[in-house]
Protein backbone atom coordinates (compact mmCIF):
# COMPACT_ATOMS: atom_id res chain seq x y z
CA MET A 1 -2.70 3.24 -11.83
CA GLY A 2 -0.56 6.43 -11.00
CA ARG A 3 1.96 7.96 -13.08
CA VAL A 4 5.66 8.39 -12.20
CA THR A 5 6.56 12.01 -12.56
CA GLY A 6 9.56 13.87 -11.18
CA VAL A 7 11.57 10.47 -11.25
CA PRO A 8 15.23 11.92 -10.92
CA ALA A 9 14.04 14.05 -7.77
CA GLU A 10 12.02 11.30 -6.34
CA LEU A 11 15.11 8.78 -6.60
CA SER A 12 17.50 11.33 -5.28
CA GLY A 13 15.19 11.90 -2.00
CA LEU A 14 14.75 8.05 -1.63
CA ALA A 15 18.22 7.21 -1.91
CA ALA A 16 19.14 9.86 0.80
CA GLU A 17 16.51 8.59 2.85
CA PHE A 18 17.22 4.74 2.45
CA PRO A 19 21.12 4.54 1.81
CA GLY A 20 21.00 0.66 2.26
CA TYR A 21 19.11 0.48 -1.39
CA ASP A 22 20.17 1.06 -4.78
CA PHE A 23 17.15 2.77 -6.94
CA GLY A 24 16.40 2.75 -10.63
CA THR A 25 13.65 2.86 -13.11
CA GLN A 26 12.27 -0.26 -15.56
CA GLN A 27 9.85 -0.03 -18.35
CA THR A 28 7.26 -2.31 -17.41
CA TRP A 29 3.83 -3.59 -18.79
CA GLY A 30 2.02 -0.43 -16.88
CA GLY A 31 4.52 2.01 -17.88
CA ILE A 32 7.82 3.00 -15.89
CA SER A 33 8.39 1.55 -12.34
CA ILE A 34 10.67 2.40 -9.55
CA ILE A 35 12.83 -0.23 -8.22
CA ALA A 36 14.38 -0.57 -5.07
CA ILE A 37 17.00 -3.22 -4.26
CA ARG A 38 18.96 -3.88 -1.11
CA HIS A 39 22.57 -3.70 -0.63
CA GLY A 40 23.99 -7.01 0.56
CA GLY A 41 21.29 -9.22 -1.33
CA CYS A 42 18.93 -11.30 0.24
CA ALA A 43 21.12 -12.80 2.97
CA ARG A 44 19.04 -10.87 5.89
CA PRO A 45 15.31 -11.41 6.49
CA GLY A 46 12.99 -8.85 4.84
CA SER A 47 12.49 -7.22 1.53
CA TYR A 48 15.29 -7.55 -0.88
CA ALA A 49 13.36 -5.66 -3.80
CA VAL A 50 10.33 -3.58 -4.11
CA VAL A 51 8.84 -2.56 -7.54
CA THR A 52 5.96 -0.23 -7.97
CA ASN A 53 4.97 2.94 -10.05
CA ASP A 54 3.92 4.81 -6.83
CA PRO A 55 6.66 6.37 -5.13
CA GLY A 56 4.66 7.03 -1.90
CA GLU A 57 4.04 3.30 -1.67
CA LEU A 58 7.75 2.38 -2.26
CA ARG A 59 8.45 4.75 0.53
CA ARG A 60 5.77 3.21 2.84
CA ALA A 61 7.17 -0.26 2.19
CA LEU A 62 10.68 0.71 2.99
CA LEU A 63 9.83 2.46 6.01
CA GLU A 64 7.74 -0.61 7.16
CA GLN A 65 10.95 -2.76 6.41
CA GLU A 66 12.92 -0.49 8.29
CA ARG A 67 10.73 -0.57 11.58
CA THR A 68 10.33 -4.39 11.34
CA GLY A 69 14.04 -4.80 10.77
CA HIS A 70 15.07 -2.70 13.78
CA GLN A 71 12.36 -4.80 15.74
CA ASP A 72 13.95 -8.17 14.73
CA ASP A 73 17.55 -6.77 15.71
CA SER A 74 16.31 -5.96 19.07
CA ARG A 75 15.02 -9.31 19.68
CA ARG A 76 18.39 -10.68 18.77
CA GLN A 77 20.06 -8.78 21.62
CA PRO A 78 20.79 -10.37 24.91
């Protein structure tokens, strides 16, 4: 399990890259985890929250969500 280091800088960078999410930290069993929660709740399909202690994993999950979310949007267009 990785350690969360440079959390304030990581959170600022993630917030700038993914403005549709709120970011924070939480003490968990394995240490400190980073949490991303999507604005607007869970009304839309896709991930509502991501919890991990690895900023890289969090970023990859949000990028994947962004990629698949755009594909879903394009399928709804006439």
